Amino acid sequence: MFRLPKLFDVLVFAGCAAMLSFFHWHATKGPRSLDNHALQVAKLEAREADLAKVRAKRDAIEARVKLMRPESVDPDMASQLVREKLGYVKINSIVVNLPD
């Protein structure tokens, strides 16, 4: 025989349906959804590529700085810097400037 649901049963069902719809919305459209996760992974890969470029540039600068340390100055690097910054060139020297 059919009996009418009690108020408690209706409230439990409504609460469960509300929680289910809440979690469904967050899983599909929320800030931590699966679609947003894929977007965040793509951004992370792009930032890691940028970081690799910056690290390579930093390593190149560190190598140049190491050549100019007072305990081990590279004569070629010193003469190149004097030519570029001060404009001094030795007599009878030929300087060929190549574009970077």
PDB file of N, CA and C in Angstrom:
ATOM      1  N   MET A   1       0.827  -1.167   0.000  1.00  0.00           N
ATOM      2  CA  MET A   1       0.000   0.000   0.000  1.00  0.00           C
ATOM      3  C   MET A   1       0.882   1.244   0.000  1.00  0.00           C
ATOM      4  N   PHE A   2       0.472   2.262  -0.677  1.00  0.00           N
ATOM      5  CA  PHE A   2       1.216   3.520  -0.790  1.00  0.00           C
ATOM      6  C   PHE A   2       1.005   4.366   0.445  1.00  0.00           C
ATOM      7  N   ARG A   3       2.172   4.853   1.008  1.00  0.00           N
ATOM      8  CA  ARG A   3       2.036   5.751   2.153  1.00  0.00           C
ATOM      9  C   ARG A   3       2.755   7.055   1.817  1.00  0.00           C
ATOM     10  N   LEU A   4       2.306   8.135   2.350  1.00  0.00           N
ATOM     11  CA  LEU A   4       2.908   9.436   2.104  1.00  0.00           C
ATOM     12  C   LEU A   4       4.237   9.533   2.856  1.00  0.00           C
ATOM     13  N   PRO A   5       5.253  10.139   2.217  1.00  0.00           N
ATOM     14  CA  PRO A   5       6.527  10.275   2.917  1.00  0.00           C
ATOM     15  C   PRO A   5       6.409  11.251   4.069  1.00  0.00           C
ATOM     16  N   LYS A   6       7.163  10.942   5.097  1.00  0.00           N
ATOM     17  CA  LYS A   6       7.151  11.824   6.249  1.00  0.00           C
ATOM     18  C   LYS A   6       8.016  13.045   5.960  1.00  0.00           C
ATOM     19  N   LEU A   7       7.846  14.070   6.752  1.00  0.00           N
ATOM     20  CA  LEU A   7       8.579  15.322   6.556  1.00  0.00           C
ATOM     21  C   LEU A   7      10.078  15.107   6.680  1.00  0.00           C
ATOM     22  N   PHE A   8      10.508  14.289   7.605  1.00  0.00           N
ATOM     23  CA  PHE A   8      11.934  14.010   7.784  1.00  0.00           C
ATOM     24  C   PHE A   8      12.532  13.391   6.519  1.00  0.00           C
ATOM     25  N   ASP A   9      11.820  12.427   5.923  1.00  0.00           N
ATOM     26  CA  ASP A   9      12.304  11.774   4.705  1.00  0.00           C
ATOM     27  C   ASP A   9      12.440  12.785   3.562  1.00  0.00           C
ATOM     28  N   VAL A  10      11.492  13.684   3.443  1.00  0.00           N
ATOM     29  CA  VAL A  10      11.534  14.706   2.397  1.00  0.00           C
ATOM     30  C   VAL A  10      12.713  15.647   2.625  1.00  0.00           C
ATOM     31  N   LEU A  11      12.945  16.051   3.879  1.00  0.00           N
ATOM     32  CA  LEU A  11      14.063  16.949   4.179  1.00  0.00           C
ATOM     33  C   LEU A  11      15.419  16.274   3.926  1.00  0.00           C
ATOM     34  N   VAL A  12      15.540  14.999   4.272  1.00  0.00           N
ATOM     35  CA  VAL A  12      16.790  14.273   4.013  1.00  0.00           C
ATOM     36  C   VAL A  12      17.030  14.173   2.514  1.00  0.00           C
ATOM     37  N   PHE A  13      15.986  13.837   1.766  1.00  0.00           N
ATOM     38  CA  PHE A  13      16.127  13.748   0.310  1.00  0.00           C
ATOM     39  C   PHE A  13      16.511  15.101  -0.288  1.00  0.00           C
ATOM     40  N   ALA A  14      15.894  16.179   0.165  1.00  0.00           N
ATOM     41  CA  ALA A  14      16.195  17.516  -0.357  1.00  0.00           C
ATOM     42  C   ALA A  14      17.622  17.911   0.003  1.00  0.00           C
ATOM     43  N   GLY A  15      18.047  17.596   1.214  1.00  0.00           N
ATOM     44  CA  GLY A  15      19.420  17.913   1.611  1.00  0.00           C
ATOM     45  C   GLY A  15      20.445  17.143   0.783  1.00  0.00           C
ATOM     46  N   CYS A  16      20.176  15.865   0.560  1.00  0.00           N
ATOM     47  CA  CYS A  16      21.097  15.061  -0.259  1.00  0.00           C
ATOM     48  C   CYS A  16      21.133  15.561  -1.702  1.00  0.00           C
ATOM     49  N   ALA A  17      19.989  15.927  -2.246  1.00  0.00           N
ATOM     50  CA  ALA A  17      19.943  16.454  -3.606  1.00  0.00           C
ATOM     51  C   ALA A  17      20.687  17.779  -3.699  1.00  0.00           C
ATOM     52  N   ALA A  18      20.559  18.615  -2.676  1.00  0.00           N
ATOM     53  CA  ALA A  18      21.273  19.901  -2.677  1.00  0.00           C
ATOM     54  C   ALA A  18      22.783  19.683  -2.605  1.00  0.00           C
ATOM     55  N   MET A  19      23.211  18.763  -1.740  1.00  0.00           N
ATOM     56  CA  MET A  19      24.655  18.483  -1.647  1.00  0.00           C
ATOM     57  C   MET A  19      25.178  17.889  -2.944  1.00  0.00           C
ATOM     58  N   LEU A  20      24.414  17.005  -3.569  1.00  0.00           N
ATOM     59  CA  LEU A  20      24.840  16.401  -4.828  1.00  0.00           C
ATOM     60  C   LEU A  20      24.974  17.452  -5.919  1.00  0.00           C
ATOM     61  N   SER A  21      24.004  18.359  -5.990  1.00  0.00           N
ATOM     62  CA  SER A  21      24.093  19.410  -7.014  1.00  0.00           C
ATOM     63  C   SER A  21      25.235  20.374  -6.701  1.00  0.00           C
ATOM     64  N   PHE A  22      25.521  20.651  -5.431  1.00  0.00           N
ATOM     65  CA  PHE A  22      26.643  21.518  -5.042  1.00  0.00           C
ATOM     66  C   PHE A  22      27.971  20.921  -5.513  1.00  0.00           C
ATOM     67  N   PHE A  23      28.187  19.648  -5.206  1.00  0.00           N
ATOM     68  CA  PHE A  23      29.442  19.005  -5.598  1.00  0.00           C
ATOM     69  C   PHE A  23      29.542  18.832  -7.113  1.00  0.00           C
ATOM     70  N   HIS A  24      28.421  18.611  -7.777  1.00  0.00           N
ATOM     71  CA  HIS A  24      28.436  18.495  -9.241  1.00  0.00           C
ATOM     72  C   HIS A  24      28.839  19.820  -9.881  1.00  0.00           C
ATOM     73  N   TRP A  25      28.300  20.918  -9.373  1.00  0.00           N
ATOM     74  CA  TRP A  25      28.651  22.223  -9.933  1.00  0.00           C
ATOM     75  C   TRP A  25      30.139  22.508  -9.741  1.00  0.00           C
ATOM     76  N   HIS A  26      30.667  22.235  -8.557  1.00  0.00           N
ATOM     77  CA  HIS A  26      32.076  22.503  -8.301  1.00  0.00           C
ATOM     78  C   HIS A  26      32.983  21.591  -9.130  1.00  0.00           C
ATOM     79  N   ALA A  27      32.549  20.376  -9.410  1.00  0.00           N
ATOM     80  CA  ALA A  27      33.369  19.464 -10.219  1.00  0.00           C
ATOM     81  C   ALA A  27      33.381  19.857 -11.688  1.00  0.00           C
ATOM     82  N   THR A  28      32.332  20.527 -12.161  1.00  0.00           N
ATOM     83  CA  THR A  28      32.269  20.858 -13.582  1.00  0.00           C
ATOM     84  C   THR A  28      32.602  22.312 -13.899  1.00  0.00           C
ATOM     85  N   LYS A  29      32.200  23.246 -13.032  1.00  0.00           N
ATOM     86  CA  LYS A  29      32.375  24.657 -13.356  1.00  0.00           C
ATOM     87  C   LYS A  29      33.078  25.461 -12.278  1.00  0.00           C
ATOM     88  N   GLY A  30      33.450  24.853 -11.201  1.00  0.00           N
ATOM     89  CA  GLY A  30      34.047  25.569 -10.085  1.00  0.00           C
ATOM     90  C   GLY A  30      35.506  25.938 -10.321  1.00  0.00           C
ATOM     91  N   PRO A  31      36.118  26.620  -9.358  1.00  0.00           N
ATOM     92  CA  PRO A  31      37.510  27.053  -9.524  1.00  0.00           C
ATOM     93  C   PRO A  31      38.505  25.891  -9.542  1.00  0.00           C
ATOM     94  N   ARG A  32      38.121  24.746  -9.017  1.00  0.00           N
ATOM     95  CA  ARG A  32      39.018  23.583  -9.028  1.00  0.00           C
ATOM     96  C   ARG A  32      38.438  22.454  -9.871  1.00  0.00           C
ATOM     97  N   SER A  33      37.750  22.800 -10.925  1.00  0.00           N
ATOM     98  CA  SER A  33      37.115  21.795 -11.772  1.00  0.00           C
ATOM     99  C   SER A  33      38.142  21.104 -12.653  1.00  0.00           C
ATOM    100  N   LEU A  34      37.693  20.077 -13.338  1.00  0.00           N
ATOM    101  CA  LEU A  34      38.598  19.321 -14.202  1.00  0.00           C
ATOM    102  C   LEU A  34      39.057  20.158 -15.400  1.00  0.00           C
ATOM    103  N   ASP A  35      38.166  20.962 -15.947  1.00  0.00           N
ATOM    104  CA  ASP A  35      38.549  21.830 -17.065  1.00  0.00           C
ATOM    105  C   ASP A  35      39.566  22.869 -16.619  1.00  0.00           C
ATOM    106  N   ASN A  36      39.342  23.448 -15.466  1.00  0.00           N
ATOM    107  CA  ASN A  36      40.261  24.446 -14.948  1.00  0.00           C
ATOM    108  C   ASN A  36      41.610  23.812 -14.610  1.00  0.00           C
ATOM    109  N   HIS A  37      41.604  22.572 -14.190  1.00  0.00           N
ATOM    110  CA  HIS A  37      42.862  21.871 -13.900  1.00  0.00           C
ATOM    111  C   HIS A  37      43.716  21.751 -15.159  1.00  0.00           C
ATOM    112  N   ALA A  38      43.095  21.418 -16.271  1.00  0.00           N
ATOM    113  CA  ALA A  38      43.842  21.319 -17.530  1.00  0.00           C
ATOM    114  C   ALA A  38      44.411  22.681 -17.923  1.00  0.00           C
ATOM    115  N   LEU A  39      43.656  23.738 -17.695  1.00  0.00           N
ATOM    116  CA  LEU A  39      44.138  25.088 -17.993  1.00  0.00           C
ATOM    117  C   LEU A  39      45.326  25.444 -17.104  1.00  0.00           C
ATOM    118  N   GLN A  40      45.244  25.091 -15.837  1.00  0.00           N
ATOM    119  CA  GLN A  40      46.338  25.377 -14.911  1.00  0.00           C
ATOM    120  C   GLN A  40      47.595  24.582 -15.271  1.00  0.00           C
ATOM    121  N   VAL A  41      47.452  23.360 -15.727  1.00  0.00           N
ATOM    122  CA  VAL A  41      48.602  22.556 -16.155  1.00  0.00           C
ATOM    123  C   VAL A  41      49.258  23.195 -17.373  1.00  0.00           C
ATOM    124  N   ALA A  42      48.466  23.694 -18.308  1.00  0.00           N
ATOM    125  CA  ALA A  42      49.020  24.356 -19.496  1.00  0.00           C
ATOM    126  C   ALA A  42      49.768  25.628 -19.095  1.00  0.00           C
ATOM    127  N   LYS A  43      49.211  26.409 -18.160  1.00  0.00           N
ATOM    128  CA  LYS A  43      49.904  27.614 -17.689  1.00  0.00           C
ATOM    129  C   LYS A  43      51.212  27.255 -17.003  1.00  0.00           C
ATOM    130  N   LEU A  44      51.202  26.180 -16.224  1.00  0.00           N
ATOM    131  CA  LEU A  44      52.411  25.747 -15.526  1.00  0.00           C
ATOM    132  C   LEU A  44      53.509  25.361 -16.511  1.00  0.00           C
ATOM    133  N   GLU A  45      53.153  24.655 -17.573  1.00  0.00           N
ATOM    134  CA  GLU A  45      54.145  24.275 -18.579  1.00  0.00           C
ATOM    135  C   GLU A  45      54.723  25.508 -19.267  1.00  0.00           C
ATOM    136  N   ALA A  46      53.884  26.495 -19.548  1.00  0.00           N
ATOM    137  CA  ALA A  46      54.376  27.727 -20.172  1.00  0.00           C
ATOM    138  C   ALA A  46      55.323  28.465 -19.234  1.00  0.00           C
ATOM    139  N   ARG A  47      54.981  28.524 -17.952  1.00  0.00           N
ATOM    140  CA  ARG A  47      55.848  29.200 -16.983  1.00  0.00           C
ATOM    141  C   ARG A  47      57.168  28.451 -16.804  1.00  0.00           C
ATOM    142  N   GLU A  48      57.128  27.125 -16.860  1.00  0.00           N
ATOM    143  CA  GLU A  48      58.373  26.356 -16.747  1.00  0.00           C
ATOM    144  C   GLU A  48      59.273  26.601 -17.950  1.00  0.00           C
ATOM    145  N   ALA A  49      58.681  26.768 -19.139  1.00  0.00           N
ATOM    146  CA  ALA A  49      59.477  27.094 -20.320  1.00  0.00           C
ATOM    147  C   ALA A  49      60.116  28.473 -20.170  1.00  0.00           C
ATOM    148  N   ASP A  50      59.346  29.445 -19.654  1.00  0.00           N
ATOM    149  CA  ASP A  50      59.900  30.775 -19.406  1.00  0.00           C
ATOM    150  C   ASP A  50      61.019  30.716 -18.371  1.00  0.00           C
ATOM    151  N   LEU A  51      60.826  29.911 -17.348  1.00  0.00           N
ATOM    152  CA  LEU A  51      61.848  29.761 -16.309  1.00  0.00           C
ATOM    153  C   LEU A  51      63.121  29.161 -16.884  1.00  0.00           C
ATOM    154  N   ALA A  52      62.996  28.210 -17.786  1.00  0.00           N
ATOM    155  CA  ALA A  52      64.178  27.618 -18.413  1.00  0.00           C
ATOM    156  C   ALA A  52      64.949  28.662 -19.226  1.00  0.00           C
ATOM    157  N   LYS A  53      64.222  29.549 -19.924  1.00  0.00           N
ATOM    158  CA  LYS A  53      64.888  30.608 -20.686  1.00  0.00           C
ATOM    159  C   LYS A  53      65.620  31.576 -19.766  1.00  0.00           C
ATOM    160  N   VAL A  54      64.966  31.944 -18.672  1.00  0.00           N
ATOM    161  CA  VAL A  54      65.588  32.871 -17.729  1.00  0.00           C
ATOM    162  C   VAL A  54      66.812  32.238 -17.077  1.00  0.00           C
ATOM    163  N   ARG A  55      66.719  30.958 -16.745  1.00  0.00           N
ATOM    164  CA  ARG A  55      67.877  30.273 -16.154  1.00  0.00           C
ATOM    165  C   ARG A  55      69.040  30.207 -17.136  1.00  0.00           C
ATOM    166  N   ALA A  56      68.749  29.965 -18.418  1.00  0.00           N
ATOM    167  CA  ALA A  56      69.820  29.922 -19.418  1.00  0.00           C
ATOM    168  C   ALA A  56      70.481  31.291 -19.544  1.00  0.00           C
ATOM    169  N   LYS A  57      69.667  32.352 -19.535  1.00  0.00           N
ATOM    170  CA  LYS A  57      70.216  33.699 -19.610  1.00  0.00           C
ATOM    171  C   LYS A  57      71.062  34.009 -18.378  1.00  0.00           C
ATOM    172  N   ARG A  58      70.580  33.601 -17.201  1.00  0.00           N
ATOM    173  CA  ARG A  58      71.338  33.822 -15.969  1.00  0.00           C
ATOM    174  C   ARG A  58      72.664  33.066 -15.987  1.00  0.00           C
ATOM    175  N   ASP A  59      72.650  31.832 -16.503  1.00  0.00           N
ATOM    176  CA  ASP A  59      73.894  31.055 -16.588  1.00  0.00           C
ATOM    177  C   ASP A  59      74.896  31.718 -17.518  1.00  0.00           C
ATOM    178  N   ALA A  60      74.408  32.292 -18.625  1.00  0.00           N
ATOM    179  CA  ALA A  60      75.308  32.991 -19.549  1.00  0.00           C
ATOM    180  C   ALA A  60      75.922  34.220 -18.880  1.00  0.00           C
ATOM    181  N   ILE A  61      75.110  34.949 -18.135  1.00  0.00           N
ATOM    182  CA  ILE A  61      75.639  36.132 -17.439  1.00  0.00           C
ATOM    183  C   ILE A  61      76.641  35.722 -16.368  1.00  0.00           C
ATOM    184  N   GLU A  62      76.334  34.644 -15.639  1.00  0.00           N
ATOM    185  CA  GLU A  62      77.267  34.176 -14.616  1.00  0.00           C
ATOM    186  C   GLU A  62      78.598  33.744 -15.233  1.00  0.00           C
ATOM    187  N   ALA A  63      78.552  33.155 -16.414  1.00  0.00           N
ATOM    188  CA  ALA A  63      79.798  32.751 -17.082  1.00  0.00           C
ATOM    189  C   ALA A  63      80.626  33.973 -17.455  1.00  0.00           C
ATOM    190  N   ARG A  64      79.973  35.036 -17.928  1.00  0.00           N
ATOM    191  CA  ARG A  64      80.714  36.263 -18.259  1.00  0.00           C
ATOM    192  C   ARG A  64      81.292  36.915 -17.013  1.00  0.00           C
ATOM    193  N   VAL A  65      80.526  36.897 -15.932  1.00  0.00           N
ATOM    194  CA  VAL A  65      81.010  37.486 -14.684  1.00  0.00           C
ATOM    195  C   VAL A  65      82.201  36.695 -14.154  1.00  0.00           C
ATOM    196  N   LYS A  66      82.146  35.385 -14.292  1.00  0.00           N
ATOM    197  CA  LYS A  66      83.250  34.546 -13.823  1.00  0.00           C
ATOM    198  C   LYS A  66      84.544  34.864 -14.586  1.00  0.00           C
ATOM    199  N   LEU A  67      84.421  35.245 -15.847  1.00  0.00           N
ATOM    200  CA  LEU A  67      85.609  35.603 -16.629  1.00  0.00           C
ATOM    201  C   LEU A  67      86.206  36.931 -16.175  1.00  0.00           C
ATOM    202  N   MET A  68      85.421  37.761 -15.506  1.00  0.00           N
ATOM    203  CA  MET A  68      85.905  39.078 -15.090  1.00  0.00           C
ATOM    204  C   MET A  68      86.275  39.140 -13.602  1.00  0.00           C
ATOM    205  N   ARG A  69      86.352  38.017 -12.922  1.00  0.00           N
ATOM    206  CA  ARG A  69      86.748  38.014 -11.510  1.00  0.00           C
ATOM    207  C   ARG A  69      88.186  38.493 -11.374  1.00  0.00           C
ATOM    208  N   PRO A  70      88.511  39.187 -10.309  1.00  0.00           N
ATOM    209  CA  PRO A  70      89.875  39.728 -10.143  1.00  0.00           C
ATOM    210  C   PRO A  70      90.944  38.635 -10.097  1.00  0.00           C
ATOM    211  N   GLU A  71      90.621  37.471  -9.573  1.00  0.00           N
ATOM    212  CA  GLU A  71      91.637  36.421  -9.490  1.00  0.00           C
ATOM    213  C   GLU A  71      91.903  35.736 -10.825  1.00  0.00           C
ATOM    214  N   SER A  72      90.996  35.862 -11.780  1.00  0.00           N
ATOM    215  CA  SER A  72      91.215  35.214 -13.077  1.00  0.00           C
ATOM    216  C   SER A  72      90.571  36.032 -14.185  1.00  0.00           C
ATOM    217  N   VAL A  73      91.171  37.133 -14.541  1.00  0.00           N
ATOM    218  CA  VAL A  73      90.640  37.991 -15.592  1.00  0.00           C
ATOM    219  C   VAL A  73      91.058  37.429 -16.948  1.00  0.00           C
ATOM    220  N   ASP A  74      90.094  37.292 -17.826  1.00  0.00           N
ATOM    221  CA  ASP A  74      90.366  36.831 -19.180  1.00  0.00           C
ATOM    222  C   ASP A  74      90.784  38.039 -20.014  1.00  0.00           C
ATOM    223  N   PRO A  75      91.980  38.023 -20.613  1.00  0.00           N
ATOM    224  CA  PRO A  75      92.442  39.193 -21.363  1.00  0.00           C
ATOM    225  C   PRO A  75      91.540  39.548 -22.553  1.00  0.00           C
ATOM    226  N   ASP A  76      91.019  38.549 -23.224  1.00  0.00           N
ATOM    227  CA  ASP A  76      90.136  38.821 -24.368  1.00  0.00           C
ATOM    228  C   ASP A  76      88.852  39.513 -23.917  1.00  0.00           C
ATOM    229  N   MET A  77      88.302  39.056 -22.800  1.00  0.00           N
ATOM    230  CA  MET A  77      87.081  39.668 -22.286  1.00  0.00           C
ATOM    231  C   MET A  77      87.359  41.104 -21.842  1.00  0.00           C
ATOM    232  N   ALA A  78      88.494  41.325 -21.202  1.00  0.00           N
ATOM    233  CA  ALA A  78      88.829  42.680 -20.753  1.00  0.00           C
ATOM    234  C   ALA A  78      89.005  43.620 -21.940  1.00  0.00           C
ATOM    235  N   SER A  79      89.718  43.177 -22.982  1.00  0.00           N
ATOM    236  CA  SER A  79      89.911  44.049 -24.143  1.00  0.00           C
ATOM    237  C   SER A  79      88.593  44.306 -24.872  1.00  0.00           C
ATOM    238  N   GLN A  80      87.713  43.312 -24.893  1.00  0.00           N
ATOM    239  CA  GLN A  80      86.410  43.497 -25.532  1.00  0.00           C
ATOM    240  C   GLN A  80      85.590  44.544 -24.771  1.00  0.00           C
ATOM    241  N   LEU A  81      85.593  44.467 -23.447  1.00  0.00           N
ATOM    242  CA  LEU A  81      84.850  45.442 -22.665  1.00  0.00           C
ATOM    243  C   LEU A  81      85.425  46.844 -22.811  1.00  0.00           C
ATOM    244  N   VAL A  82      86.752  46.963 -22.864  1.00  0.00           N
ATOM    245  CA  VAL A  82      87.377  48.279 -23.038  1.00  0.00           C
ATOM    246  C   VAL A  82      86.993  48.861 -24.393  1.00  0.00           C
ATOM    247  N   ARG A  83      86.984  48.020 -25.441  1.00  0.00           N
ATOM    248  CA  ARG A  83      86.586  48.488 -26.773  1.00  0.00           C
ATOM    249  C   ARG A  83      85.127  48.933 -26.782  1.00  0.00           C
ATOM    250  N   GLU A  84      84.240  48.128 -26.184  1.00  0.00           N
ATOM    251  CA  GLU A  84      82.810  48.439 -26.234  1.00  0.00           C
ATOM    252  C   GLU A  84      82.449  49.656 -25.383  1.00  0.00           C
ATOM    253  N   LYS A  85      82.918  49.682 -24.152  1.00  0.00           N
ATOM    254  CA  LYS A  85      82.483  50.724 -23.217  1.00  0.00           C
ATOM    255  C   LYS A  85      83.268  52.029 -23.362  1.00  0.00           C
ATOM    256  N   LEU A  86      84.576  51.927 -23.546  1.00  0.00           N
ATOM    257  CA  LEU A  86      85.402  53.133 -23.572  1.00  0.00           C
ATOM    258  C   LEU A  86      85.786  53.583 -24.975  1.00  0.00           C
ATOM    259  N   GLY A  87      85.705  52.689 -25.930  1.00  0.00           N
ATOM    260  CA  GLY A  87      86.032  53.049 -27.299  1.00  0.00           C
ATOM    261  C   GLY A  87      87.527  53.060 -27.592  1.00  0.00           C
ATOM    262  N   TYR A  88      88.337  52.478 -26.732  1.00  0.00           N
ATOM    263  CA  TYR A  88      89.786  52.429 -26.953  1.00  0.00           C
ATOM    264  C   TYR A  88      90.143  51.204 -27.786  1.00  0.00           C
ATOM    265  N   VAL A  89      91.011  51.428 -28.783  1.00  0.00           N
ATOM    266  CA  VAL A  89      91.487  50.338 -29.625  1.00  0.00           C
ATOM    267  C   VAL A  89      92.995  50.491 -29.764  1.00  0.00           C
ATOM    268  N   LYS A  90      93.724  49.372 -29.746  1.00  0.00           N
ATOM    269  CA  LYS A  90      95.174  49.419 -29.918  1.00  0.00           C
ATOM    270  C   LYS A  90      95.507  49.876 -31.333  1.00  0.00           C
ATOM    271  N   ILE A  91      96.647  50.493 -31.460  1.00  0.00           N
ATOM    272  CA  ILE A  91      97.122  50.890 -32.786  1.00  0.00           C
ATOM    273  C   ILE A  91      97.465  49.619 -33.557  1.00  0.00           C
ATOM    274  N   ASN A  92      97.180  49.628 -34.840  1.00  0.00           N
ATOM    275  CA  ASN A  92      97.435  48.504 -35.749  1.00  0.00           C
ATOM    276  C   ASN A  92      96.578  47.273 -35.420  1.00  0.00           C
ATOM    277  N   SER A  93      95.465  47.450 -34.787  1.00  0.00           N
ATOM    278  CA  SER A  93      94.584  46.298 -34.545  1.00  0.00           C
ATOM    279  C   SER A  93      93.354  46.428 -35.436  1.00  0.00           C
ATOM    280  N   ILE A  94      92.865  45.293 -35.874  1.00  0.00           N
ATOM    281  CA  ILE A  94      91.681  45.262 -36.730  1.00  0.00           C
ATOM    282  C   ILE A  94      90.528  44.686 -35.894  1.00  0.00           C
ATOM    283  N   VAL A  95      89.468  45.442 -35.823  1.00  0.00           N
ATOM    284  CA  VAL A  95      88.318  45.028 -35.030  1.00  0.00           C
ATOM    285  C   VAL A  95      87.147  44.796 -35.975  1.00  0.00           C
ATOM    286  N   VAL A  96      86.573  43.615 -35.904  1.00  0.00           N
ATOM    287  CA  VAL A  96      85.407  43.278 -36.702  1.00  0.00           C
ATOM    288  C   VAL A  96      84.248  43.064 -35.739  1.00  0.00           C
ATOM    289  N   ASN A  97      83.242  43.918 -35.791  1.00  0.00           N
ATOM    290  CA  ASN A  97      82.076  43.797 -34.932  1.00  0.00           C
ATOM    291  C   ASN A  97      80.991  43.006 -35.638  1.00  0.00           C
ATOM    292  N   LEU A  98      80.619  41.899 -35.059  1.00  0.00           N
ATOM    293  CA  LEU A  98      79.563  41.060 -35.618  1.00  0.00           C
ATOM    294  C   LEU A  98      78.275  41.324 -34.850  1.00  0.00           C
ATOM    295  N   PRO A  99      77.142  41.317 -35.544  1.00  0.00           N
ATOM    296  CA  PRO A  99      75.873  41.508 -34.818  1.00  0.00           C
ATOM    297  C   PRO A  99      75.579  40.298 -33.944  1.00  0.00           C
ATOM    298  N   ASP A 100      74.917  40.562 -32.826  1.00  0.00           N
ATOM    299  CA  ASP A 100      74.580  39.462 -31.895  1.00  0.00           C
ATOM    300  C   ASP A 100      73.451  38.642 -32.399  1.00  0.00           C
TER     301      ASP A 100
END
